[in-house]
Amino acid sequence: YHPAPLSEKAPTDTFVVQISALYQLPVSYSIASGDEKGYFIIHSSSGIIRTSKILEVEDFPVNFKVRATDSSNPTIFNEVEVKVEVMDENNFPPVFPSPLLEERLAEHLPATQIVQLKAQDDDTGRNGFLTYGILNGHGLKFGIDKTTGILYSTAPFDYEEEPTEYQVVVYAEDDGIPEKKRGYCTVVIKITD
């Protein structure tokens, strides 16, 4: 038996799977081995397995054996393995060290690196895997490397002809399940003469 993965937020008494033995006489179900931390309980006559406490994602997957025993003769039994996996929920959004940064950029520079942004996500695995993007690129005057978080200009600026200050809103997005989460940072870029 390999039931659908449970959420790490599954409450106590969540249905996991129903075990069913083919046998002419009534059987009694029990967890024989493998559930050392006591995460599961089984109903002795229905074979329904439920959670018995809050699941700690780092303890999973758990493989345990369920025994079906002849109700009138305990020497007649069979066992089956049950593998239960738990999905790591996306608990945390990415966070930038500061929500606001100020950078200076000299006019007439060719496309150039401005700053490398780095967000932190306290989730593990894909829930903590970050990509970067820009919400407003000011007519594509700015770009960001989605992997490294390096913010760059895409063309030279003219202090006399264009605005001397830009606010670029950058986001970091995780690859979380079931939903992706974002953190934001505003970079104020001042063009210098």
N, C-alpha and C. Protein backbone atom coordinates (compact mmCIF):
# COMPACT_ATOMS: atom_id res chain seq x y z
N TYR A 1 0.85 -1.19 0.00
CA TYR A 1 0.00 0.00 0.00
C TYR A 1 0.88 1.23 0.00
N HIS A 2 0.56 2.15 -0.90
CA HIS A 2 1.31 3.40 -0.99
C HIS A 2 0.29 4.53 -1.20
N PRO A 3 -0.37 4.98 -0.09
CA PRO A 3 -1.41 6.00 -0.24
C PRO A 3 -0.85 7.35 -0.68
N ALA A 4 -1.75 8.23 -1.10
CA ALA A 4 -1.35 9.58 -1.51
C ALA A 4 -0.64 10.27 -0.36
N PRO A 5 0.38 11.08 -0.66
CA PRO A 5 1.12 11.77 0.42
C PRO A 5 0.20 12.64 1.27
N LEU A 6 0.50 12.67 2.56
CA LEU A 6 -0.25 13.50 3.50
C LEU A 6 0.41 14.87 3.60
N SER A 7 -0.37 15.86 3.98
CA SER A 7 0.20 17.17 4.26
C SER A 7 0.84 17.14 5.64
N GLU A 8 1.96 17.87 5.80
CA GLU A 8 2.56 17.93 7.14
C GLU A 8 1.62 18.64 8.12
N LYS A 9 0.61 19.33 7.58
CA LYS A 9 -0.35 20.03 8.43
C LYS A 9 -1.60 19.19 8.69
N ALA A 10 -1.58 17.92 8.27
CA ALA A 10 -2.74 17.05 8.47
C ALA A 10 -3.06 16.96 9.96
N PRO A 11 -4.34 17.21 10.34
CA PRO A 11 -4.68 17.11 11.76
C PRO A 11 -4.68 15.65 12.23
N THR A 12 -4.61 15.47 13.54
CA THR A 12 -4.72 14.15 14.14
C THR A 12 -6.04 13.52 13.70
N ASP A 13 -6.05 12.23 13.49
CA ASP A 13 -7.24 11.47 13.09
C ASP A 13 -7.55 11.61 11.59
N THR A 14 -6.57 11.99 10.78
CA THR A 14 -6.75 12.06 9.33
C THR A 14 -6.72 10.65 8.74
N PHE A 15 -7.66 10.39 7.82
CA PHE A 15 -7.70 9.09 7.14
C PHE A 15 -6.45 8.93 6.27
N VAL A 16 -5.81 7.75 6.34
CA VAL A 16 -4.62 7.47 5.54
C VAL A 16 -4.94 6.47 4.44
N VAL A 17 -5.41 5.29 4.84
CA VAL A 17 -5.69 4.23 3.86
C VAL A 17 -6.50 3.13 4.56
N GLN A 18 -7.20 2.33 3.78
CA GLN A 18 -7.91 1.18 4.35
C GLN A 18 -7.25 -0.10 3.83
N ILE A 19 -6.85 -0.95 4.78
CA ILE A 19 -6.22 -2.23 4.47
C ILE A 19 -7.33 -3.29 4.39
N SER A 20 -7.22 -4.16 3.40
CA SER A 20 -8.26 -5.18 3.25
C SER A 20 -7.62 -6.53 2.91
N ALA A 21 -7.85 -7.51 3.78
CA ALA A 21 -7.33 -8.86 3.55
C ALA A 21 -8.44 -9.75 3.02
N LEU A 22 -8.12 -10.58 2.03
CA LEU A 22 -9.10 -11.53 1.50
C LEU A 22 -8.99 -12.82 2.32
N TYR A 23 -10.06 -13.12 3.05
CA TYR A 23 -10.03 -14.29 3.94
C TYR A 23 -11.47 -14.68 4.25
N GLN A 24 -11.72 -15.99 4.38
CA GLN A 24 -13.11 -16.44 4.60
C GLN A 24 -13.64 -16.04 5.98
N LEU A 25 -12.74 -15.98 6.96
CA LEU A 25 -13.17 -15.70 8.33
C LEU A 25 -12.83 -14.26 8.71
N PRO A 26 -13.47 -13.75 9.76
CA PRO A 26 -13.13 -12.39 10.23
C PRO A 26 -11.65 -12.31 10.63
N VAL A 27 -11.04 -11.17 10.32
CA VAL A 27 -9.64 -10.96 10.71
C VAL A 27 -9.54 -9.76 11.63
N SER A 28 -8.43 -9.73 12.35
CA SER A 28 -8.15 -8.60 13.22
C SER A 28 -6.89 -7.91 12.69
N TYR A 29 -6.97 -6.58 12.48
CA TYR A 29 -5.83 -5.83 11.93
C TYR A 29 -5.03 -5.18 13.05
N SER A 30 -3.71 -5.16 12.87
CA SER A 30 -2.86 -4.46 13.84
C SER A 30 -1.60 -3.97 13.12
N ILE A 31 -0.97 -2.96 13.69
CA ILE A 31 0.32 -2.50 13.15
C ILE A 31 1.38 -3.37 13.80
N ALA A 32 2.10 -4.14 12.97
CA ALA A 32 3.04 -5.13 13.49
C ALA A 32 4.40 -4.52 13.82
N SER A 33 4.90 -3.64 12.94
CA SER A 33 6.24 -3.07 13.16
C SER A 33 6.45 -1.87 12.24
N GLY A 34 7.48 -1.10 12.54
CA GLY A 34 7.89 -0.02 11.65
C GLY A 34 7.37 1.36 12.01
N ASP A 35 6.34 1.44 12.86
CA ASP A 35 5.81 2.75 13.25
C ASP A 35 6.28 3.06 14.67
N GLU A 36 7.61 3.11 14.83
CA GLU A 36 8.21 3.29 16.17
C GLU A 36 7.75 4.57 16.86
N LYS A 37 7.51 5.62 16.08
CA LYS A 37 7.13 6.90 16.70
C LYS A 37 5.63 7.03 16.91
N GLY A 38 4.87 5.99 16.55
CA GLY A 38 3.44 5.97 16.85
C GLY A 38 2.61 7.00 16.11
N TYR A 39 2.89 7.18 14.82
CA TYR A 39 2.13 8.16 14.03
C TYR A 39 0.75 7.64 13.62
N PHE A 40 0.57 6.32 13.62
CA PHE A 40 -0.65 5.75 13.05
C PHE A 40 -1.38 4.82 14.00
N ILE A 41 -2.71 4.75 13.82
CA ILE A 41 -3.53 3.77 14.53
C ILE A 41 -4.38 3.06 13.47
N ILE A 42 -4.70 1.79 13.72
CA ILE A 42 -5.52 1.04 12.78
C ILE A 42 -6.73 0.50 13.52
N HIS A 43 -7.89 0.59 12.88
CA HIS A 43 -9.11 0.02 13.46
C HIS A 43 -9.04 -1.49 13.26
N SER A 44 -9.16 -2.24 14.35
CA SER A 44 -8.88 -3.68 14.29
C SER A 44 -9.83 -4.46 13.39
N SER A 45 -11.07 -3.99 13.22
CA SER A 45 -11.98 -4.76 12.36
C SER A 45 -12.16 -4.16 10.97
N SER A 46 -12.08 -2.83 10.82
CA SER A 46 -12.29 -2.22 9.49
C SER A 46 -11.01 -2.12 8.67
N GLY A 47 -9.84 -2.13 9.35
CA GLY A 47 -8.57 -1.97 8.63
C GLY A 47 -8.27 -0.54 8.24
N ILE A 48 -9.05 0.41 8.75
CA ILE A 48 -8.81 1.83 8.42
C ILE A 48 -7.68 2.37 9.27
N ILE A 49 -6.69 2.96 8.58
CA ILE A 49 -5.54 3.57 9.26
C ILE A 49 -5.75 5.08 9.29
N ARG A 50 -5.52 5.67 10.48
CA ARG A 50 -5.62 7.12 10.66
C ARG A 50 -4.35 7.62 11.36
N THR A 51 -4.13 8.93 11.25
CA THR A 51 -2.99 9.51 11.97
C THR A 51 -3.36 9.61 13.44
N SER A 52 -2.35 9.45 14.30
CA SER A 52 -2.63 9.52 15.74
C SER A 52 -2.00 10.76 16.37
N LYS A 53 -1.21 11.51 15.59
CA LYS A 53 -0.62 12.75 16.11
C LYS A 53 -0.13 13.61 14.94
N ILE A 54 0.37 14.79 15.26
CA ILE A 54 0.88 15.71 14.25
C ILE A 54 2.13 15.10 13.61
N LEU A 55 2.24 15.21 12.28
CA LEU A 55 3.32 14.58 11.52
C LEU A 55 4.54 15.49 11.44
N GLU A 56 5.70 14.94 11.74
CA GLU A 56 6.97 15.69 11.61
C GLU A 56 7.60 15.27 10.28
N VAL A 57 7.68 16.23 9.35
CA VAL A 57 8.07 15.89 7.97
C VAL A 57 9.43 15.19 7.89
N GLU A 58 10.35 15.53 8.82
CA GLU A 58 11.70 14.92 8.75
C GLU A 58 11.71 13.44 9.12
N ASP A 59 10.63 12.92 9.71
CA ASP A 59 10.55 11.50 10.07
C ASP A 59 10.06 10.63 8.90
N PHE A 60 9.65 11.25 7.82
CA PHE A 60 9.04 10.50 6.71
C PHE A 60 9.97 10.40 5.52
N PRO A 61 9.76 9.41 4.61
CA PRO A 61 8.66 8.45 4.61
C PRO A 61 8.79 7.41 5.72
N VAL A 62 7.63 6.86 6.12
CA VAL A 62 7.58 5.79 7.12
C VAL A 62 7.06 4.53 6.43
N ASN A 63 7.80 3.44 6.58
CA ASN A 63 7.35 2.13 6.08
C ASN A 63 7.02 1.29 7.30
N PHE A 64 5.78 0.81 7.36
CA PHE A 64 5.42 -0.05 8.48
C PHE A 64 4.62 -1.25 7.99
N LYS A 65 4.57 -2.27 8.82
CA LYS A 65 3.86 -3.49 8.44
C LYS A 65 2.54 -3.60 9.20
N VAL A 66 1.50 -3.97 8.45
CA VAL A 66 0.19 -4.22 9.04
C VAL A 66 -0.04 -5.72 8.98
N ARG A 67 -0.53 -6.25 10.09
CA ARG A 67 -0.79 -7.68 10.19
C ARG A 67 -2.30 -7.92 10.23
N ALA A 68 -2.74 -8.89 9.40
CA ALA A 68 -4.12 -9.37 9.47
C ALA A 68 -4.05 -10.76 10.08
N THR A 69 -4.75 -10.93 11.19
CA THR A 69 -4.69 -12.19 11.95
C THR A 69 -6.07 -12.84 11.99
N ASP A 70 -6.12 -14.15 11.80
CA ASP A 70 -7.37 -14.92 11.94
C ASP A 70 -7.89 -14.70 13.37
N SER A 71 -9.13 -14.21 13.47
CA SER A 71 -9.69 -13.85 14.78
C SER A 71 -9.75 -15.02 15.76
N SER A 72 -9.86 -16.25 15.24
CA SER A 72 -9.98 -17.39 16.15
C SER A 72 -8.67 -18.17 16.31
N ASN A 73 -7.67 -17.88 15.44
CA ASN A 73 -6.40 -18.61 15.53
C ASN A 73 -5.23 -17.66 15.26
N PRO A 74 -4.58 -17.14 16.32
CA PRO A 74 -3.53 -16.12 16.19
C PRO A 74 -2.28 -16.62 15.46
N THR A 75 -2.17 -17.93 15.21
CA THR A 75 -0.99 -18.41 14.47
C THR A 75 -1.18 -18.26 12.96
N ILE A 76 -2.41 -17.94 12.54
CA ILE A 76 -2.66 -17.72 11.10
C ILE A 76 -2.74 -16.21 10.86
N PHE A 77 -1.76 -15.70 10.12
CA PHE A 77 -1.74 -14.25 9.84
C PHE A 77 -0.95 -13.99 8.56
N ASN A 78 -1.08 -12.77 8.08
CA ASN A 78 -0.26 -12.33 6.97
C ASN A 78 0.04 -10.85 7.19
N GLU A 79 1.12 -10.38 6.56
CA GLU A 79 1.51 -8.97 6.73
C GLU A 79 1.66 -8.30 5.38
N VAL A 80 1.42 -6.99 5.38
CA VAL A 80 1.58 -6.19 4.18
C VAL A 80 2.31 -4.90 4.58
N GLU A 81 3.10 -4.37 3.64
CA GLU A 81 3.83 -3.13 3.95
C GLU A 81 3.02 -1.91 3.51
N VAL A 82 3.07 -0.88 4.34
CA VAL A 82 2.41 0.39 4.03
C VAL A 82 3.50 1.46 4.03
N LYS A 83 3.57 2.24 2.95
CA LYS A 83 4.55 3.33 2.87
C LYS A 83 3.79 4.65 2.87
N VAL A 84 4.07 5.48 3.85
CA VAL A 84 3.39 6.78 3.95
C VAL A 84 4.41 7.89 3.78
N GLU A 85 4.09 8.80 2.86
CA GLU A 85 4.96 9.97 2.64
C GLU A 85 4.22 11.22 3.10
N VAL A 86 5.01 12.22 3.47
CA VAL A 86 4.43 13.50 3.91
C VAL A 86 5.00 14.60 3.04
N MET A 87 4.10 15.46 2.56
CA MET A 87 4.52 16.59 1.74
C MET A 87 4.96 17.74 2.64
N ASP A 88 6.13 18.23 2.35
CA ASP A 88 6.65 19.40 3.06
C ASP A 88 5.88 20.61 2.56
N GLU A 89 5.15 21.27 3.44
CA GLU A 89 4.38 22.45 3.04
C GLU A 89 5.29 23.66 2.89
N ASN A 90 4.87 24.58 2.06
CA ASN A 90 5.61 25.82 1.86
C ASN A 90 5.22 26.78 2.98
N ASN A 91 6.02 26.78 4.05
CA ASN A 91 5.66 27.56 5.24
C ASN A 91 6.10 29.02 5.19
N PHE A 92 7.21 29.30 4.51
CA PHE A 92 7.81 30.64 4.61
C PHE A 92 7.92 31.32 3.25
N PRO A 93 7.66 32.63 3.21
CA PRO A 93 7.92 33.39 1.99
C PRO A 93 9.39 33.80 1.96
N PRO A 94 9.92 34.07 0.76
CA PRO A 94 11.28 34.62 0.69
C PRO A 94 11.32 36.00 1.35
N VAL A 95 12.46 36.33 1.98
CA VAL A 95 12.60 37.62 2.65
C VAL A 95 13.94 38.24 2.23
N PHE A 96 13.88 39.51 1.82
CA PHE A 96 15.10 40.25 1.52
C PHE A 96 15.62 40.85 2.82
N PRO A 97 16.96 40.98 2.97
CA PRO A 97 17.53 41.55 4.20
C PRO A 97 16.97 42.95 4.49
N SER A 98 16.67 43.71 3.42
CA SER A 98 16.09 45.04 3.59
C SER A 98 15.02 45.22 2.53
N PRO A 99 13.87 45.82 2.88
CA PRO A 99 12.82 46.02 1.87
C PRO A 99 13.12 47.19 0.92
N LEU A 100 14.14 47.98 1.27
CA LEU A 100 14.46 49.15 0.44
C LEU A 100 15.98 49.30 0.33
N LEU A 101 16.45 49.43 -0.90
CA LEU A 101 17.88 49.65 -1.14
C LEU A 101 18.05 50.89 -2.00
N GLU A 102 19.17 51.58 -1.81
CA GLU A 102 19.46 52.72 -2.66
C GLU A 102 20.80 52.50 -3.34
N GLU A 103 20.82 52.65 -4.66
CA GLU A 103 22.05 52.46 -5.42
C GLU A 103 22.27 53.65 -6.34
N ARG A 104 23.54 53.92 -6.64
CA ARG A 104 23.87 55.00 -7.57
C ARG A 104 24.40 54.41 -8.86
N LEU A 105 24.08 55.07 -9.97
CA LEU A 105 24.51 54.60 -11.29
C LEU A 105 24.93 55.81 -12.10
N ALA A 106 26.18 55.81 -12.54
CA ALA A 106 26.68 56.96 -13.32
C ALA A 106 26.04 56.97 -14.70
N GLU A 107 25.81 58.18 -15.22
CA GLU A 107 25.22 58.28 -16.56
C GLU A 107 26.24 57.82 -17.60
N HIS A 108 25.77 57.53 -18.80
CA HIS A 108 26.58 57.15 -19.98
C HIS A 108 27.28 55.80 -19.84
N LEU A 109 26.98 55.03 -18.79
CA LEU A 109 27.59 53.70 -18.69
C LEU A 109 26.87 52.74 -19.63
N PRO A 110 27.61 51.83 -20.27
CA PRO A 110 26.91 50.79 -21.03
C PRO A 110 26.15 49.88 -20.05
N ALA A 111 25.43 48.90 -20.56
CA ALA A 111 24.72 47.97 -19.69
C ALA A 111 25.67 47.48 -18.61
N THR A 112 25.24 47.58 -17.35
CA THR A 112 26.16 47.28 -16.25
C THR A 112 25.43 46.71 -15.04
N GLN A 113 26.18 45.93 -14.24
CA GLN A 113 25.62 45.37 -13.01
C GLN A 113 25.42 46.49 -11.98
N ILE A 114 24.27 46.51 -11.33
CA ILE A 114 23.99 47.53 -10.32
C ILE A 114 24.17 46.95 -8.92
N VAL A 115 23.50 45.84 -8.64
CA VAL A 115 23.58 45.23 -7.32
C VAL A 115 23.11 43.78 -7.41
N GLN A 116 23.67 42.93 -6.54
CA GLN A 116 23.18 41.55 -6.46
C GLN A 116 22.26 41.44 -5.26
N LEU A 117 21.02 41.04 -5.52
CA LEU A 117 20.03 40.89 -4.46
C LEU A 117 19.99 39.44 -4.01
N LYS A 118 19.84 39.25 -2.71
CA LYS A 118 19.82 37.88 -2.18
C LYS A 118 18.72 37.80 -1.14
N ALA A 119 17.72 36.96 -1.42
CA ALA A 119 16.64 36.73 -0.45
C ALA A 119 16.90 35.42 0.28
N GLN A 120 16.26 35.28 1.43
CA GLN A 120 16.41 34.08 2.27
C GLN A 120 15.04 33.43 2.38
N ASP A 121 15.01 32.09 2.28
CA ASP A 121 13.76 31.35 2.46
C ASP A 121 14.05 30.21 3.42
N ASP A 122 13.29 30.13 4.52
CA ASP A 122 13.56 29.13 5.56
C ASP A 122 12.99 27.75 5.26
N ASP A 123 12.35 27.59 4.08
CA ASP A 123 11.90 26.26 3.68
C ASP A 123 13.06 25.49 3.06
N THR A 124 12.90 24.17 2.96
CA THR A 124 13.93 23.34 2.34
C THR A 124 13.43 22.83 1.00
N GLY A 125 14.35 22.25 0.22
CA GLY A 125 13.98 21.66 -1.07
C GLY A 125 13.41 22.70 -2.00
N ARG A 126 12.47 22.25 -2.85
CA ARG A 126 11.92 23.17 -3.86
C ARG A 126 11.14 24.32 -3.22
N ASN A 127 10.64 24.13 -1.98
CA ASN A 127 9.93 25.22 -1.30
C ASN A 127 10.87 26.38 -0.96
N GLY A 128 12.17 26.11 -0.96
CA GLY A 128 13.14 27.16 -0.66
C GLY A 128 13.98 27.56 -1.87
N PHE A 129 13.65 27.00 -3.04
CA PHE A 129 14.40 27.31 -4.27
C PHE A 129 13.87 28.61 -4.86
N LEU A 130 14.74 29.62 -4.96
CA LEU A 130 14.29 30.96 -5.35
C LEU A 130 14.66 31.34 -6.77
N THR A 131 13.73 32.07 -7.40
CA THR A 131 14.04 32.75 -8.67
C THR A 131 13.66 34.22 -8.49
N TYR A 132 14.34 35.08 -9.24
CA TYR A 132 14.16 36.53 -9.10
C TYR A 132 13.51 37.11 -10.34
N GLY A 133 12.78 38.19 -10.14
CA GLY A 133 12.14 38.87 -11.26
C GLY A 133 11.90 40.33 -10.90
N ILE A 134 11.45 41.09 -11.92
CA ILE A 134 11.16 42.52 -11.74
C ILE A 134 9.69 42.74 -12.00
N LEU A 135 9.03 43.50 -11.11
CA LEU A 135 7.62 43.83 -11.32
C LEU A 135 7.48 44.96 -12.33
N ASN A 136 8.38 45.94 -12.25
CA ASN A 136 8.31 47.08 -13.18
C ASN A 136 9.71 47.35 -13.73
N GLY A 137 9.90 47.18 -15.00
CA GLY A 137 11.24 47.32 -15.59
C GLY A 137 11.50 48.68 -16.20
N HIS A 138 10.58 49.63 -16.02
CA HIS A 138 10.74 50.99 -16.58
C HIS A 138 11.12 50.94 -18.05
N GLY A 139 10.21 50.39 -18.87
CA GLY A 139 10.48 50.34 -20.30
C GLY A 139 11.70 49.50 -20.62
N LEU A 140 11.91 48.43 -19.86
CA LEU A 140 13.02 47.50 -20.06
C LEU A 140 14.39 48.16 -19.91
N LYS A 141 14.47 49.21 -19.07
CA LYS A 141 15.77 49.83 -18.79
C LYS A 141 16.58 49.00 -17.80
N PHE A 142 15.87 48.09 -17.09
CA PHE A 142 16.53 47.25 -16.10
C PHE A 142 16.16 45.79 -16.32
N GLY A 143 17.08 44.92 -15.93
CA GLY A 143 16.83 43.49 -16.01
C GLY A 143 17.40 42.83 -14.77
N ILE A 144 17.02 41.57 -14.56
CA ILE A 144 17.57 40.84 -13.42
C ILE A 144 17.84 39.40 -13.87
N ASP A 145 18.95 38.86 -13.38
CA ASP A 145 19.26 37.45 -13.63
C ASP A 145 18.40 36.62 -12.69
N LYS A 146 17.52 35.80 -13.26
CA LYS A 146 16.53 35.11 -12.41
C LYS A 146 17.16 34.11 -11.44
N THR A 147 18.38 33.67 -11.72
CA THR A 147 19.05 32.71 -10.85
C THR A 147 19.93 33.37 -9.80
N THR A 148 20.72 34.36 -10.22
CA THR A 148 21.70 34.96 -9.31
C THR A 148 21.16 36.18 -8.56
N GLY A 149 20.08 36.79 -9.06
CA GLY A 149 19.55 37.99 -8.42
C GLY A 149 20.33 39.25 -8.73
N ILE A 150 21.16 39.20 -9.79
CA ILE A 150 21.93 40.40 -10.17
C ILE A 150 21.03 41.34 -10.98
N LEU A 151 20.87 42.56 -10.44
CA LEU A 151 20.08 43.60 -11.11
C LEU A 151 21.03 44.40 -11.97
N TYR A 152 20.62 44.65 -13.22
CA TYR A 152 21.51 45.37 -14.14
C TYR A 152 20.73 46.35 -14.99
N SER A 153 21.47 47.35 -15.52
CA SER A 153 20.86 48.27 -16.49
C SER A 153 21.07 47.66 -17.87
N THR A 154 20.17 47.98 -18.79
CA THR A 154 20.26 47.38 -20.13
C THR A 154 20.78 48.37 -21.17
N ALA A 155 20.92 49.63 -20.76
CA ALA A 155 21.38 50.66 -21.70
C ALA A 155 21.90 51.85 -20.90
N PRO A 156 22.69 52.73 -21.53
CA PRO A 156 23.18 53.91 -20.80
C PRO A 156 22.04 54.91 -20.49
N PHE A 157 22.24 55.69 -19.43
CA PHE A 157 21.28 56.73 -19.05
C PHE A 157 21.91 58.09 -19.33
N ASP A 158 21.03 59.07 -19.57
CA ASP A 158 21.50 60.43 -19.77
C ASP A 158 20.91 61.30 -18.67
N TYR A 159 21.77 61.80 -17.78
CA TYR A 159 21.34 62.56 -16.61
C TYR A 159 20.48 63.76 -17.00
N GLU A 160 20.83 64.40 -18.12
CA GLU A 160 20.12 65.61 -18.53
C GLU A 160 18.79 65.32 -19.23
N GLU A 161 18.68 64.17 -19.89
CA GLU A 161 17.52 63.89 -20.74
C GLU A 161 16.44 63.01 -20.09
N GLU A 162 16.82 62.27 -19.05
CA GLU A 162 15.89 61.28 -18.50
C GLU A 162 15.68 61.53 -17.01
N PRO A 163 14.71 60.80 -16.40
CA PRO A 163 14.57 60.91 -14.95
C PRO A 163 15.90 60.55 -14.27
N THR A 164 16.16 61.15 -13.11
CA THR A 164 17.42 60.87 -12.41
C THR A 164 17.21 59.85 -11.29
N GLU A 165 15.98 59.38 -11.14
CA GLU A 165 15.72 58.39 -10.11
C GLU A 165 14.68 57.38 -10.59
N TYR A 166 14.95 56.11 -10.33
CA TYR A 166 14.03 55.03 -10.71
C TYR A 166 13.78 54.15 -9.49
N GLN A 167 12.54 53.71 -9.35
CA GLN A 167 12.23 52.73 -8.31
C GLN A 167 11.90 51.42 -9.00
N VAL A 168 12.78 50.43 -8.79
CA VAL A 168 12.59 49.13 -9.41
C VAL A 168 12.16 48.14 -8.31
N VAL A 169 10.99 47.53 -8.49
CA VAL A 169 10.49 46.57 -7.51
C VAL A 169 10.89 45.16 -7.97
N VAL A 170 11.72 44.53 -7.14
CA VAL A 170 12.23 43.20 -7.43
C VAL A 170 11.52 42.19 -6.53
N TYR A 171 11.25 41.01 -7.07
CA TYR A 171 10.67 39.96 -6.22
C TYR A 171 11.54 38.71 -6.25
N ALA A 172 11.47 37.95 -5.16
CA ALA A 172 12.03 36.60 -5.11
C ALA A 172 10.84 35.68 -4.94
N GLU A 173 10.78 34.62 -5.75
CA GLU A 173 9.66 33.69 -5.69
C GLU A 173 10.18 32.29 -5.45
N ASP A 174 9.56 31.59 -4.49
CA ASP A 174 9.99 30.21 -4.26
C ASP A 174 9.21 29.27 -5.19
N ASP A 175 9.61 28.01 -5.21
CA ASP A 175 8.99 27.02 -6.09
C ASP A 175 8.07 26.13 -5.25
N GLY A 176 7.34 26.76 -4.33
CA GLY A 176 6.61 26.03 -3.32
C GLY A 176 5.39 25.27 -3.78
N ILE A 177 5.04 24.27 -2.97
CA ILE A 177 3.82 23.49 -3.16
C ILE A 177 2.98 23.70 -1.89
N PRO A 178 1.68 23.88 -1.93
CA PRO A 178 0.89 23.92 -3.15
C PRO A 178 0.93 25.29 -3.85
N GLU A 179 1.37 26.33 -3.16
CA GLU A 179 1.43 27.63 -3.84
C GLU A 179 2.81 28.26 -3.67
N LYS A 180 3.19 29.04 -4.68
CA LYS A 180 4.46 29.76 -4.63
C LYS A 180 4.28 31.01 -3.76
N LYS A 181 5.36 31.40 -3.06
CA LYS A 181 5.30 32.61 -2.25
C LYS A 181 6.37 33.58 -2.73
N ARG A 182 6.08 34.88 -2.54
CA ARG A 182 7.00 35.93 -3.00
C ARG A 182 7.38 36.87 -1.87
N GLY A 183 8.60 37.40 -1.99
CA GLY A 183 9.05 38.50 -1.14
C GLY A 183 9.48 39.63 -2.07
N TYR A 184 9.43 40.87 -1.57
CA TYR A 184 9.69 42.03 -2.43
C TYR A 184 10.77 42.94 -1.85
N CYS A 185 11.43 43.64 -2.76
CA CYS A 185 12.43 44.63 -2.38
C CYS A 185 12.36 45.77 -3.40
N THR A 186 12.33 47.01 -2.92
CA THR A 186 12.35 48.17 -3.83
C THR A 186 13.77 48.71 -3.90
N VAL A 187 14.29 48.80 -5.11
CA VAL A 187 15.64 49.35 -5.31
C VAL A 187 15.48 50.74 -5.93
N VAL A 188 15.93 51.75 -5.18
CA VAL A 188 15.91 53.11 -5.70
C VAL A 188 17.26 53.35 -6.39
N ILE A 189 17.20 53.62 -7.69
CA ILE A 189 18.43 53.82 -8.47
C ILE A 189 18.54 55.29 -8.83
N LYS A 190 19.60 55.92 -8.34
CA LYS A 190 19.82 57.34 -8.61
C LYS A 190 20.89 57.48 -9.69
N ILE A 191 20.55 58.12 -10.77
CA ILE A 191 21.50 58.36 -11.86
C ILE A 191 22.34 59.57 -11.47
N THR A 192 23.65 59.42 -11.56
CA THR A 192 24.51 60.54 -11.16
C THR A 192 25.11 61.21 -12.40
N ASP A 193 25.35 62.51 -12.24
CA ASP A 193 25.83 63.36 -13.34
C ASP A 193 27.31 63.08 -13.57
